[in-house]
């Protein structure tokens, strides 16, 4: 199985992406990342597949970001640790297909990965 979606069932964009994957007919795995929190190693792998820096996948509207991280200048390693410890900060949904990944917030992004 090569398609994985990092999913939050309370997010409309994540639910829309899950629906598109289901329609594709391809086998896939759902990771409810708020419960099955990605490890530091998994986060590094996701970032490599996304070709992004940790700060690029931080949800900057989340209360915890505004309270704890907004004015901080953290290193990549510190951001990865923060994402691991506060998975609500991770942009969603993220779809991984083999060695590529996208933040699947638009139909175009979803189509590009499936």
PDB file of N, CA and C in Angstrom:
ATOM      1  N   UNK A   1       0.852  -1.182   0.000  1.00  0.00           N
ATOM      2  CA  UNK A   1       0.000   0.000   0.000  1.00  0.00           C
ATOM      3  C   UNK A   1       0.890   1.235   0.000  1.00  0.00           C
ATOM      4  N   UNK A   2       0.672   2.115  -0.939  1.00  0.00           N
ATOM      5  CA  UNK A   2       1.569   3.262  -1.016  1.00  0.00           C
ATOM      6  C   UNK A   2       0.883   4.581  -0.677  1.00  0.00           C
ATOM      7  N   UNK A   3      -0.449   4.623  -0.582  1.00  0.00           N
ATOM      8  CA  UNK A   3      -1.129   5.881  -0.270  1.00  0.00           C
ATOM      9  C   UNK A   3      -1.488   5.901   1.215  1.00  0.00           C
ATOM     10  N   UNK A   4      -1.103   6.991   1.866  1.00  0.00           N
ATOM     11  CA  UNK A   4      -1.437   7.200   3.270  1.00  0.00           C
ATOM     12  C   UNK A   4      -1.973   8.613   3.405  1.00  0.00           C
ATOM     13  N   UNK A   5      -3.039   8.773   4.190  1.00  0.00           N
ATOM     14  CA  UNK A   5      -3.544  10.109   4.491  1.00  0.00           C
ATOM     15  C   UNK A   5      -3.421  10.341   5.990  1.00  0.00           C
ATOM     16  N   UNK A   6      -2.776  11.445   6.339  1.00  0.00           N
ATOM     17  CA  UNK A   6      -2.715  11.895   7.717  1.00  0.00           C
ATOM     18  C   UNK A   6      -3.949  12.761   7.908  1.00  0.00           C
ATOM     19  N   UNK A   7      -4.887  12.240   8.698  1.00  0.00           N
ATOM     20  CA  UNK A   7      -6.270  12.694   8.691  1.00  0.00           C
ATOM     21  C   UNK A   7      -6.733  13.170  10.057  1.00  0.00           C
ATOM     22  N   UNK A   8      -7.581  14.199  10.035  1.00  0.00           N
ATOM     23  CA  UNK A   8      -8.291  14.657  11.227  1.00  0.00           C
ATOM     24  C   UNK A   8      -9.768  14.696  10.846  1.00  0.00           C
ATOM     25  N   UNK A   9     -10.565  13.818  11.445  1.00  0.00           N
ATOM     26  CA  UNK A   9     -11.970  13.683  11.052  1.00  0.00           C
ATOM     27  C   UNK A   9     -12.806  14.918  11.382  1.00  0.00           C
ATOM     28  N   UNK A  10     -12.260  15.847  12.175  1.00  0.00           N
ATOM     29  CA  UNK A  10     -13.003  17.063  12.487  1.00  0.00           C
ATOM     30  C   UNK A  10     -12.746  18.184  11.481  1.00  0.00           C
ATOM     31  N   UNK A  11     -11.927  17.904  10.474  1.00  0.00           N
ATOM     32  CA  UNK A  11     -11.530  18.919   9.492  1.00  0.00           C
ATOM     33  C   UNK A  11     -12.240  18.659   8.166  1.00  0.00           C
ATOM     34  N   UNK A  12     -12.948  19.658   7.654  1.00  0.00           N
ATOM     35  CA  UNK A  12     -13.692  19.480   6.399  1.00  0.00           C
ATOM     36  C   UNK A  12     -12.754  19.211   5.221  1.00  0.00           C
ATOM     37  N   UNK A  13     -11.599  19.875   5.187  1.00  0.00           N
ATOM     38  CA  UNK A  13     -10.639  19.641   4.087  1.00  0.00           C
ATOM     39  C   UNK A  13     -10.108  18.207   4.143  1.00  0.00           C
ATOM     40  N   UNK A  14      -9.859  17.718   5.343  1.00  0.00           N
ATOM     41  CA  UNK A  14      -9.362  16.360   5.510  1.00  0.00           C
ATOM     42  C   UNK A  14     -10.433  15.356   5.090  1.00  0.00           C
ATOM     43  N   UNK A  15     -11.685  15.611   5.470  1.00  0.00           N
ATOM     44  CA  UNK A  15     -12.779  14.717   5.075  1.00  0.00           C
ATOM     45  C   UNK A  15     -12.986  14.723   3.563  1.00  0.00           C
ATOM     46  N   UNK A  16     -12.838  15.881   2.932  1.00  0.00           N
ATOM     47  CA  UNK A  16     -12.979  15.972   1.471  1.00  0.00           C
ATOM     48  C   UNK A  16     -11.868  15.178   0.781  1.00  0.00           C
ATOM     49  N   UNK A  17     -10.641  15.279   1.298  1.00  0.00           N
ATOM     50  CA  UNK A  17      -9.520  14.541   0.715  1.00  0.00           C
ATOM     51  C   UNK A  17      -9.728  13.038   0.879  1.00  0.00           C
ATOM     52  N   UNK A  18     -10.209  12.620   2.034  1.00  0.00           N
ATOM     53  CA  UNK A  18     -10.464  11.196   2.284  1.00  0.00           C
ATOM     54  C   UNK A  18     -11.509  10.667   1.304  1.00  0.00           C
ATOM     55  N   UNK A  19     -12.517  11.471   1.038  1.00  0.00           N
ATOM     56  CA  UNK A  19     -13.571  11.082   0.082  1.00  0.00           C
ATOM     57  C   UNK A  19     -12.984  10.888  -1.315  1.00  0.00           C
ATOM     58  N   UNK A  20     -12.084  11.797  -1.721  1.00  0.00           N
ATOM     59  CA  UNK A  20     -11.453  11.693  -3.045  1.00  0.00           C
ATOM     60  C   UNK A  20     -10.577  10.442  -3.146  1.00  0.00           C
ATOM     61  N   UNK A  21      -9.834  10.168  -2.102  1.00  0.00           N
ATOM     62  CA  UNK A  21      -8.991   8.960  -2.112  1.00  0.00           C
ATOM     63  C   UNK A  21      -9.880   7.722  -2.228  1.00  0.00           C
ATOM     64  N   UNK A  22     -10.954   7.704  -1.470  1.00  0.00           N
ATOM     65  CA  UNK A  22     -11.879   6.563  -1.505  1.00  0.00           C
ATOM     66  C   UNK A  22     -12.436   6.376  -2.918  1.00  0.00           C
ATOM     67  N   UNK A  23     -12.810   7.485  -3.571  1.00  0.00           N
ATOM     68  CA  UNK A  23     -13.346   7.418  -4.938  1.00  0.00           C
ATOM     69  C   UNK A  23     -12.314   6.917  -5.942  1.00  0.00           C
ATOM     70  N   UNK A  24     -11.039   7.129  -5.640  1.00  0.00           N
ATOM     71  CA  UNK A  24      -9.989   6.721  -6.573  1.00  0.00           C
ATOM     72  C   UNK A  24      -9.917   5.202  -6.726  1.00  0.00           C
ATOM     73  N   UNK A  25     -10.408   4.486  -5.721  1.00  0.00           N
ATOM     74  CA  UNK A  25     -10.375   3.028  -5.772  1.00  0.00           C
ATOM     75  C   UNK A  25      -9.035   2.429  -5.389  1.00  0.00           C
ATOM     76  N   UNK A  26      -8.049   3.272  -5.143  1.00  0.00           N
ATOM     77  CA  UNK A  26      -6.719   2.789  -4.739  1.00  0.00           C
ATOM     78  C   UNK A  26      -6.750   2.379  -3.273  1.00  0.00           C
ATOM     79  N   UNK A  27      -5.975   1.360  -2.910  1.00  0.00           N
ATOM     80  CA  UNK A  27      -5.880   1.019  -1.487  1.00  0.00           C
ATOM     81  C   UNK A  27      -5.133   2.124  -0.740  1.00  0.00           C
ATOM     82  N   UNK A  28      -5.548   2.386   0.488  1.00  0.00           N
ATOM     83  CA  UNK A  28      -4.897   3.446   1.256  1.00  0.00           C
ATOM     84  C   UNK A  28      -5.004   3.154   2.743  1.00  0.00           C
ATOM     85  N   UNK A  29      -4.171   3.861   3.478  1.00  0.00           N
ATOM     86  CA  UNK A  29      -4.173   3.767   4.930  1.00  0.00           C
ATOM     87  C   UNK A  29      -4.522   5.135   5.501  1.00  0.00           C
ATOM     88  N   UNK A  30      -5.342   5.151   6.551  1.00  0.00           N
ATOM     89  CA  UNK A  30      -5.688   6.385   7.242  1.00  0.00           C
ATOM     90  C   UNK A  30      -4.918   6.425   8.560  1.00  0.00           C
ATOM     91  N   UNK A  31      -4.199   7.518   8.775  1.00  0.00           N
ATOM     92  CA  UNK A  31      -3.511   7.731  10.043  1.00  0.00           C
ATOM     93  C   UNK A  31      -4.209   8.905  10.740  1.00  0.00           C
ATOM     94  N   UNK A  32      -4.890   8.605  11.826  1.00  0.00           N
ATOM     95  CA  UNK A  32      -5.491   9.670  12.639  1.00  0.00           C
ATOM     96  C   UNK A  32      -4.367  10.235  13.502  1.00  0.00           C
ATOM     97  N   UNK A  33      -3.684  11.245  12.944  1.00  0.00           N
ATOM     98  CA  UNK A  33      -2.409  11.686  13.501  1.00  0.00           C
ATOM     99  C   UNK A  33      -2.525  12.348  14.870  1.00  0.00           C
ATOM    100  N   UNK A  34      -3.728  12.725  15.283  1.00  0.00           N
ATOM    101  CA  UNK A  34      -3.875  13.276  16.626  1.00  0.00           C
ATOM    102  C   UNK A  34      -3.823  12.167  17.669  1.00  0.00           C
ATOM    103  N   UNK A  35      -4.187  10.944  17.256  1.00  0.00           N
ATOM    104  CA  UNK A  35      -4.141   9.783  18.150  1.00  0.00           C
ATOM    105  C   UNK A  35      -2.845   8.994  17.947  1.00  0.00           C
ATOM    106  N   UNK A  36      -2.503   8.742  16.695  1.00  0.00           N
ATOM    107  CA  UNK A  36      -1.268   8.029  16.357  1.00  0.00           C
ATOM    108  C   UNK A  36      -0.245   9.081  15.938  1.00  0.00           C
ATOM    109  N   UNK A  37       0.302   9.757  16.917  1.00  0.00           N
ATOM    110  CA  UNK A  37       1.179  10.904  16.664  1.00  0.00           C
ATOM    111  C   UNK A  37       2.448  10.457  15.935  1.00  0.00           C
ATOM    112  N   UNK A  38       2.763  11.113  14.817  1.00  0.00           N
ATOM    113  CA  UNK A  38       3.993  10.763  14.093  1.00  0.00           C
ATOM    114  C   UNK A  38       5.232  10.984  14.964  1.00  0.00           C
ATOM    115  N   UNK A  39       6.149  10.046  14.882  1.00  0.00           N
ATOM    116  CA  UNK A  39       7.414  10.171  15.612  1.00  0.00           C
ATOM    117  C   UNK A  39       8.264  11.268  14.969  1.00  0.00           C
ATOM    118  N   UNK A  40       9.328  11.633  15.652  1.00  0.00           N
ATOM    119  CA  UNK A  40      10.288  12.606  15.104  1.00  0.00           C
ATOM    120  C   UNK A  40      10.791  12.108  13.747  1.00  0.00           C
ATOM    121  N   UNK A  41      11.136  10.818  13.676  1.00  0.00           N
ATOM    122  CA  UNK A  41      11.630  10.229  12.424  1.00  0.00           C
ATOM    123  C   UNK A  41      10.570  10.289  11.335  1.00  0.00           C
ATOM    124  N   UNK A  42       9.320   9.968  11.680  1.00  0.00           N
ATOM    125  CA  UNK A  42       8.232  10.035  10.691  1.00  0.00           C
ATOM    126  C   UNK A  42       8.026  11.463  10.205  1.00  0.00           C
ATOM    127  N   UNK A  43       8.091  12.421  11.108  1.00  0.00           N
ATOM    128  CA  UNK A  43       7.935  13.826  10.712  1.00  0.00           C
ATOM    129  C   UNK A  43       9.043  14.256   9.758  1.00  0.00           C
ATOM    130  N   UNK A  44      10.270  13.843  10.038  1.00  0.00           N
ATOM    131  CA  UNK A  44      11.390  14.177   9.140  1.00  0.00           C
ATOM    132  C   UNK A  44      11.160  13.557   7.762  1.00  0.00           C
ATOM    133  N   UNK A  45      10.678  12.321   7.728  1.00  0.00           N
ATOM    134  CA  UNK A  45      10.396  11.648   6.460  1.00  0.00           C
ATOM    135  C   UNK A  45       9.273  12.358   5.705  1.00  0.00           C
ATOM    136  N   UNK A  46       8.217  12.728   6.424  1.00  0.00           N
ATOM    137  CA  UNK A  46       7.107  13.471   5.795  1.00  0.00           C
ATOM    138  C   UNK A  46       7.604  14.780   5.205  1.00  0.00           C
ATOM    139  N   UNK A  47       8.398  15.510   5.954  1.00  0.00           N
ATOM    140  CA  UNK A  47       8.922  16.795   5.468  1.00  0.00           C
ATOM    141  C   UNK A  47       9.773  16.615   4.224  1.00  0.00           C
ATOM    142  N   UNK A  48      10.574  15.555   4.191  1.00  0.00           N
ATOM    143  CA  UNK A  48      11.390  15.277   3.003  1.00  0.00           C
ATOM    144  C   UNK A  48      10.495  14.989   1.803  1.00  0.00           C
ATOM    145  N   UNK A  49       9.435  14.208   2.005  1.00  0.00           N
ATOM    146  CA  UNK A  49       8.511  13.881   0.908  1.00  0.00           C
ATOM    147  C   UNK A  49       7.724  15.104   0.461  1.00  0.00           C
ATOM    148  N   UNK A  50       7.414  15.990   1.398  1.00  0.00           N
ATOM    149  CA  UNK A  50       6.716  17.237   1.070  1.00  0.00           C
ATOM    150  C   UNK A  50       7.658  18.260   0.438  1.00  0.00           C
ATOM    151  N   UNK A  51       8.971  18.089   0.666  1.00  0.00           N
ATOM    152  CA  UNK A  51       9.985  19.051   0.259  1.00  0.00           C
ATOM    153  C   UNK A  51       9.718  20.414   0.904  1.00  0.00           C
ATOM    154  N   UNK A  52       9.424  20.366   2.217  1.00  0.00           N
ATOM    155  CA  UNK A  52       9.132  21.574   2.978  1.00  0.00           C
ATOM    156  C   UNK A  52       9.952  21.600   4.261  1.00  0.00           C
ATOM    157  N   UNK A  53      10.068  22.794   4.835  1.00  0.00           N
ATOM    158  CA  UNK A  53      10.684  22.965   6.138  1.00  0.00           C
ATOM    159  C   UNK A  53       9.598  22.797   7.205  1.00  0.00           C
ATOM    160  N   UNK A  54       9.979  22.477   8.435  1.00  0.00           N
ATOM    161  CA  UNK A  54       8.970  22.269   9.475  1.00  0.00           C
ATOM    162  C   UNK A  54       8.009  23.454   9.643  1.00  0.00           C
ATOM    163  N   UNK A  55       8.516  24.662   9.617  1.00  0.00           N
ATOM    164  CA  UNK A  55       7.655  25.839   9.800  1.00  0.00           C
ATOM    165  C   UNK A  55       6.572  25.915   8.715  1.00  0.00           C
ATOM    166  N   UNK A  56       6.841  25.333   7.551  1.00  0.00           N
ATOM    167  CA  UNK A  56       5.888  25.382   6.429  1.00  0.00           C
ATOM    168  C   UNK A  56       4.642  24.538   6.673  1.00  0.00           C
ATOM    169  N   UNK A  57       4.693  23.607   7.631  1.00  0.00           N
ATOM    170  CA  UNK A  57       3.515  22.769   7.884  1.00  0.00           C
ATOM    171  C   UNK A  57       2.860  23.092   9.229  1.00  0.00           C
ATOM    172  N   UNK A  58       3.264  24.211   9.828  1.00  0.00           N
ATOM    173  CA  UNK A  58       2.678  24.624  11.106  1.00  0.00           C
ATOM    174  C   UNK A  58       1.385  25.391  10.846  1.00  0.00           C
ATOM    175  N   UNK A  59       0.336  24.987  11.573  1.00  0.00           N
ATOM    176  CA  UNK A  59      -0.945  25.708  11.526  1.00  0.00           C
ATOM    177  C   UNK A  59      -0.831  26.928  12.444  1.00  0.00           C
ATOM    178  N   UNK A  60      -0.688  28.094  11.842  1.00  0.00           N
ATOM    179  CA  UNK A  60      -0.408  29.301  12.612  1.00  0.00           C
ATOM    180  C   UNK A  60      -1.661  29.958  13.190  1.00  0.00           C
ATOM    181  N   UNK A  61      -2.821  29.354  12.962  1.00  0.00           N
ATOM    182  CA  UNK A  61      -4.058  29.886  13.542  1.00  0.00           C
ATOM    183  C   UNK A  61      -4.481  29.126  14.794  1.00  0.00           C
ATOM    184  N   UNK A  62      -3.775  28.031  15.096  1.00  0.00           N
ATOM    185  CA  UNK A  62      -4.120  27.243  16.279  1.00  0.00           C
ATOM    186  C   UNK A  62      -3.802  28.023  17.554  1.00  0.00           C
ATOM    187  N   UNK A  63      -4.671  27.869  18.551  1.00  0.00           N
ATOM    188  CA  UNK A  63      -4.508  28.558  19.829  1.00  0.00           C
ATOM    189  C   UNK A  63      -3.134  28.281  20.451  1.00  0.00           C
ATOM    190  N   UNK A  64      -2.703  27.034  20.416  1.00  0.00           N
ATOM    191  CA  UNK A  64      -1.419  26.686  21.038  1.00  0.00           C
ATOM    192  C   UNK A  64      -0.241  27.376  20.323  1.00  0.00           C
ATOM    193  N   UNK A  65      -0.351  27.545  19.007  1.00  0.00           N
ATOM    194  CA  UNK A  65       0.695  28.274  18.278  1.00  0.00           C
ATOM    195  C   UNK A  65       0.728  29.726  18.758  1.00  0.00           C
ATOM    196  N   UNK A  66      -0.442  30.342  18.797  1.00  0.00           N
ATOM    197  CA  UNK A  66      -0.531  31.749  19.185  1.00  0.00           C
ATOM    198  C   UNK A  66      -0.040  31.957  20.617  1.00  0.00           C
ATOM    199  N   UNK A  67      -0.321  31.000  21.503  1.00  0.00           N
ATOM    200  CA  UNK A  67       0.063  31.135  22.909  1.00  0.00           C
ATOM    201  C   UNK A  67       1.526  30.790  23.177  1.00  0.00           C
ATOM    202  N   UNK A  68       2.052  29.764  22.488  1.00  0.00           N
ATOM    203  CA  UNK A  68       3.376  29.247  22.858  1.00  0.00           C
ATOM    204  C   UNK A  68       4.488  29.493  21.839  1.00  0.00           C
ATOM    205  N   UNK A  69       4.122  29.679  20.558  1.00  0.00           N
ATOM    206  CA  UNK A  69       5.164  29.643  19.527  1.00  0.00           C
ATOM    207  C   UNK A  69       5.219  30.868  18.612  1.00  0.00           C
ATOM    208  N   UNK A  70       4.199  31.718  18.640  1.00  0.00           N
ATOM    209  CA  UNK A  70       4.066  32.792  17.652  1.00  0.00           C
ATOM    210  C   UNK A  70       5.329  33.643  17.496  1.00  0.00           C
ATOM    211  N   UNK A  71       5.903  34.067  18.574  1.00  0.00           N
ATOM    212  CA  UNK A  71       7.047  34.982  18.495  1.00  0.00           C
ATOM    213  C   UNK A  71       8.381  34.281  18.691  1.00  0.00           C
ATOM    214  N   UNK A  72       8.386  32.959  18.550  1.00  0.00           N
ATOM    215  CA  UNK A  72       9.625  32.195  18.746  1.00  0.00           C
ATOM    216  C   UNK A  72      10.329  31.986  17.413  1.00  0.00           C
ATOM    217  N   UNK A  73      11.642  32.002  17.463  1.00  0.00           N
ATOM    218  CA  UNK A  73      12.456  31.725  16.290  1.00  0.00           C
ATOM    219  C   UNK A  73      13.133  30.378  16.529  1.00  0.00           C
ATOM    220  N   UNK A  74      12.413  29.292  16.244  1.00  0.00           N
ATOM    221  CA  UNK A  74      12.897  27.950  16.543  1.00  0.00           C
ATOM    222  C   UNK A  74      13.686  27.368  15.377  1.00  0.00           C
ATOM    223  N   UNK A  75      14.614  26.494  15.708  1.00  0.00           N
ATOM    224  CA  UNK A  75      15.353  25.756  14.676  1.00  0.00           C
ATOM    225  C   UNK A  75      14.429  24.695  14.080  1.00  0.00           C
ATOM    226  N   UNK A  76      14.817  24.106  12.953  1.00  0.00           N
ATOM    227  CA  UNK A  76      14.030  23.025  12.359  1.00  0.00           C
ATOM    228  C   UNK A  76      13.821  21.891  13.359  1.00  0.00           C
ATOM    229  N   UNK A  77      14.877  21.518  14.069  1.00  0.00           N
ATOM    230  CA  UNK A  77      14.771  20.425  15.052  1.00  0.00           C
ATOM    231  C   UNK A  77      13.777  20.780  16.158  1.00  0.00           C
ATOM    232  N   UNK A  78      13.801  22.031  16.599  1.00  0.00           N
ATOM    233  CA  UNK A  78      12.862  22.467  17.648  1.00  0.00           C
ATOM    234  C   UNK A  78      11.422  22.473  17.130  1.00  0.00           C
ATOM    235  N   UNK A  79      11.226  22.876  15.870  1.00  0.00           N
ATOM    236  CA  UNK A  79       9.876  22.842  15.287  1.00  0.00           C
ATOM    237  C   UNK A  79       9.381  21.408  15.152  1.00  0.00           C
ATOM    238  N   UNK A  80      10.260  20.512  14.730  1.00  0.00           N
ATOM    239  CA  UNK A  80       9.856  19.100  14.598  1.00  0.00           C
ATOM    240  C   UNK A  80       9.443  18.555  15.962  1.00  0.00           C
ATOM    241  N   UNK A  81      10.196  18.883  16.996  1.00  0.00           N
ATOM    242  CA  UNK A  81       9.840  18.453  18.357  1.00  0.00           C
ATOM    243  C   UNK A  81       8.491  19.059  18.758  1.00  0.00           C
ATOM    244  N   UNK A  82       8.274  20.337  18.446  1.00  0.00           N
ATOM    245  CA  UNK A  82       7.005  21.004  18.776  1.00  0.00           C
ATOM    246  C   UNK A  82       5.836  20.349  18.042  1.00  0.00           C
ATOM    247  N   UNK A  83       6.038  19.983  16.780  1.00  0.00           N
ATOM    248  CA  UNK A  83       4.983  19.313  16.003  1.00  0.00           C
ATOM    249  C   UNK A  83       4.677  17.936  16.584  1.00  0.00           C
ATOM    250  N   UNK A  84       5.718  17.235  17.005  1.00  0.00           N
ATOM    251  CA  UNK A  84       5.531  15.917  17.616  1.00  0.00           C
ATOM    252  C   UNK A  84       4.767  16.039  18.938  1.00  0.00           C
ATOM    253  N   UNK A  85       5.120  17.019  19.738  1.00  0.00           N
ATOM    254  CA  UNK A  85       4.493  17.193  21.049  1.00  0.00           C
ATOM    255  C   UNK A  85       3.115  17.837  20.972  1.00  0.00           C
ATOM    256  N   UNK A  86       2.835  18.531  19.864  1.00  0.00           N
ATOM    257  CA  UNK A  86       1.560  19.243  19.675  1.00  0.00           C
ATOM    258  C   UNK A  86       1.046  18.956  18.263  1.00  0.00           C
ATOM    259  N   UNK A  87       0.601  17.730  17.991  1.00  0.00           N
ATOM    260  CA  UNK A  87       0.255  17.363  16.615  1.00  0.00           C
ATOM    261  C   UNK A  87      -0.893  18.184  16.011  1.00  0.00           C
ATOM    262  N   UNK A  88      -1.667  18.857  16.846  1.00  0.00           N
ATOM    263  CA  UNK A  88      -2.721  19.727  16.322  1.00  0.00           C
ATOM    264  C   UNK A  88      -2.128  20.835  15.451  1.00  0.00           C
ATOM    265  N   UNK A  89      -0.829  21.102  15.622  1.00  0.00           N
ATOM    266  CA  UNK A  89      -0.162  22.135  14.833  1.00  0.00           C
ATOM    267  C   UNK A  89       0.165  21.700  13.403  1.00  0.00           C
ATOM    268  N   UNK A  90       0.046  20.407  13.114  1.00  0.00           N
ATOM    269  CA  UNK A  90       0.416  19.904  11.786  1.00  0.00           C
ATOM    270  C   UNK A  90      -0.688  20.215  10.782  1.00  0.00           C
ATOM    271  N   UNK A  91      -0.302  20.844   9.667  1.00  0.00           N
ATOM    272  CA  UNK A  91      -1.257  21.103   8.582  1.00  0.00           C
ATOM    273  C   UNK A  91      -1.920  19.801   8.166  1.00  0.00           C
ATOM    274  N   UNK A  92      -3.141  19.877   7.739  1.00  0.00           N
ATOM    275  CA  UNK A  92      -3.881  18.693   7.331  1.00  0.00           C
ATOM    276  C   UNK A  92      -4.753  18.994   6.139  1.00  0.00           C
ATOM    277  N   UNK A  93      -5.101  17.980   5.426  1.00  0.00           N
ATOM    278  CA  UNK A  93      -4.561  16.624   5.469  1.00  0.00           C
ATOM    279  C   UNK A  93      -3.249  16.553   4.687  1.00  0.00           C
ATOM    280  N   UNK A  94      -2.442  15.581   5.031  1.00  0.00           N
ATOM    281  CA  UNK A  94      -1.245  15.287   4.245  1.00  0.00           C
ATOM    282  C   UNK A  94      -1.462  13.928   3.601  1.00  0.00           C
ATOM    283  N   UNK A  95      -1.301  13.885   2.284  1.00  0.00           N
ATOM    284  CA  UNK A  95      -1.412  12.619   1.557  1.00  0.00           C
ATOM    285  C   UNK A  95      -0.022  12.250   1.056  1.00  0.00           C
ATOM    286  N   UNK A  96       0.358  11.002   1.352  1.00  0.00           N
ATOM    287  CA  UNK A  96       1.640  10.460   0.902  1.00  0.00           C
ATOM    288  C   UNK A  96       1.344   9.381  -0.128  1.00  0.00           C
ATOM    289  N   UNK A  97       2.047   9.438  -1.239  1.00  0.00           N
ATOM    290  CA  UNK A  97       1.951   8.400  -2.262  1.00  0.00           C
ATOM    291  C   UNK A  97       3.383   8.043  -2.646  1.00  0.00           C
ATOM    292  N   UNK A  98       3.834   6.885  -2.176  1.00  0.00           N
ATOM    293  CA  UNK A  98       5.215   6.430  -2.376  1.00  0.00           C
ATOM    294  C   UNK A  98       6.198   7.411  -1.762  1.00  0.00           C
ATOM    295  N   UNK A  99       7.007   8.068  -2.609  1.00  0.00           N
ATOM    296  CA  UNK A  99       8.047   8.948  -2.065  1.00  0.00           C
ATOM    297  C   UNK A  99       7.705  10.427  -2.194  1.00  0.00           C
ATOM    298  N   UNK A 100       6.445  10.737  -2.481  1.00  0.00           N
ATOM    299  CA  UNK A 100       5.989  12.134  -2.595  1.00  0.00           C
ATOM    300  C   UNK A 100       4.834  12.361  -1.621  1.00  0.00           C
ATOM    301  N   UNK A 101       4.637  13.619  -1.239  1.00  0.00           N
ATOM    302  CA  UNK A 101       3.531  13.971  -0.364  1.00  0.00           C
ATOM    303  C   UNK A 101       3.077  15.391  -0.677  1.00  0.00           C
ATOM    304  N   UNK A 102       1.808  15.679  -0.351  1.00  0.00           N
ATOM    305  CA  UNK A 102       1.270  17.033  -0.497  1.00  0.00           C
ATOM    306  C   UNK A 102       0.385  17.350   0.701  1.00  0.00           C
ATOM    307  N   UNK A 103       0.293  18.639   0.987  1.00  0.00           N
ATOM    308  CA  UNK A 103      -0.739  19.108   1.903  1.00  0.00           C
ATOM    309  C   UNK A 103      -1.969  19.262   1.025  1.00  0.00           C
ATOM    310  N   UNK A 104      -2.943  18.399   1.229  1.00  0.00           N
ATOM    311  CA  UNK A 104      -4.052  18.231   0.284  1.00  0.00           C
ATOM    312  C   UNK A 104      -5.258  19.091   0.650  1.00  0.00           C
ATOM    313  N   UNK A 105      -5.058  20.394   0.619  1.00  0.00           N
ATOM    314  CA  UNK A 105      -6.144  21.307   0.968  1.00  0.00           C
ATOM    315  C   UNK A 105      -6.923  21.785  -0.257  1.00  0.00           C
ATOM    316  N   UNK A 106      -6.481  21.388  -1.451  1.00  0.00           N
ATOM    317  CA  UNK A 106      -7.196  21.777  -2.671  1.00  0.00           C
ATOM    318  C   UNK A 106      -7.366  20.549  -3.558  1.00  0.00           C
ATOM    319  N   UNK A 107      -8.362  20.623  -4.462  1.00  0.00           N
ATOM    320  CA  UNK A 107      -8.564  19.517  -5.405  1.00  0.00           C
ATOM    321  C   UNK A 107      -7.329  19.278  -6.263  1.00  0.00           C
ATOM    322  N   UNK A 108      -6.659  20.382  -6.648  1.00  0.00           N
ATOM    323  CA  UNK A 108      -5.465  20.277  -7.477  1.00  0.00           C
ATOM    324  C   UNK A 108      -4.369  19.487  -6.761  1.00  0.00           C
ATOM    325  N   UNK A 109      -4.195  19.792  -5.469  1.00  0.00           N
ATOM    326  CA  UNK A 109      -3.168  19.080  -4.694  1.00  0.00           C
ATOM    327  C   UNK A 109      -3.512  17.603  -4.582  1.00  0.00           C
ATOM    328  N   UNK A 110      -4.779  17.313  -4.335  1.00  0.00           N
ATOM    329  CA  UNK A 110      -5.222  15.916  -4.234  1.00  0.00           C
ATOM    330  C   UNK A 110      -4.984  15.197  -5.558  1.00  0.00           C
ATOM    331  N   UNK A 111      -5.419  15.825  -6.653  1.00  0.00           N
ATOM    332  CA  UNK A 111      -5.252  15.217  -7.981  1.00  0.00           C
ATOM    333  C   UNK A 111      -3.780  14.994  -8.301  1.00  0.00           C
ATOM    334  N   UNK A 112      -2.917  15.913  -7.854  1.00  0.00           N
ATOM    335  CA  UNK A 112      -1.495  15.800  -8.195  1.00  0.00           C
ATOM    336  C   UNK A 112      -0.819  14.598  -7.529  1.00  0.00           C
ATOM    337  N   UNK A 113      -1.382  14.118  -6.431  1.00  0.00           N
ATOM    338  CA  UNK A 113      -0.733  13.039  -5.695  1.00  0.00           C
ATOM    339  C   UNK A 113      -1.361  11.673  -5.997  1.00  0.00           C
ATOM    340  N   UNK A 114      -2.601  11.659  -6.487  1.00  0.00           N
ATOM    341  CA  UNK A 114      -3.271  10.368  -6.705  1.00  0.00           C
ATOM    342  C   UNK A 114      -2.950   9.787  -8.033  1.00  0.00           C
TER     343      UNK A 114
END
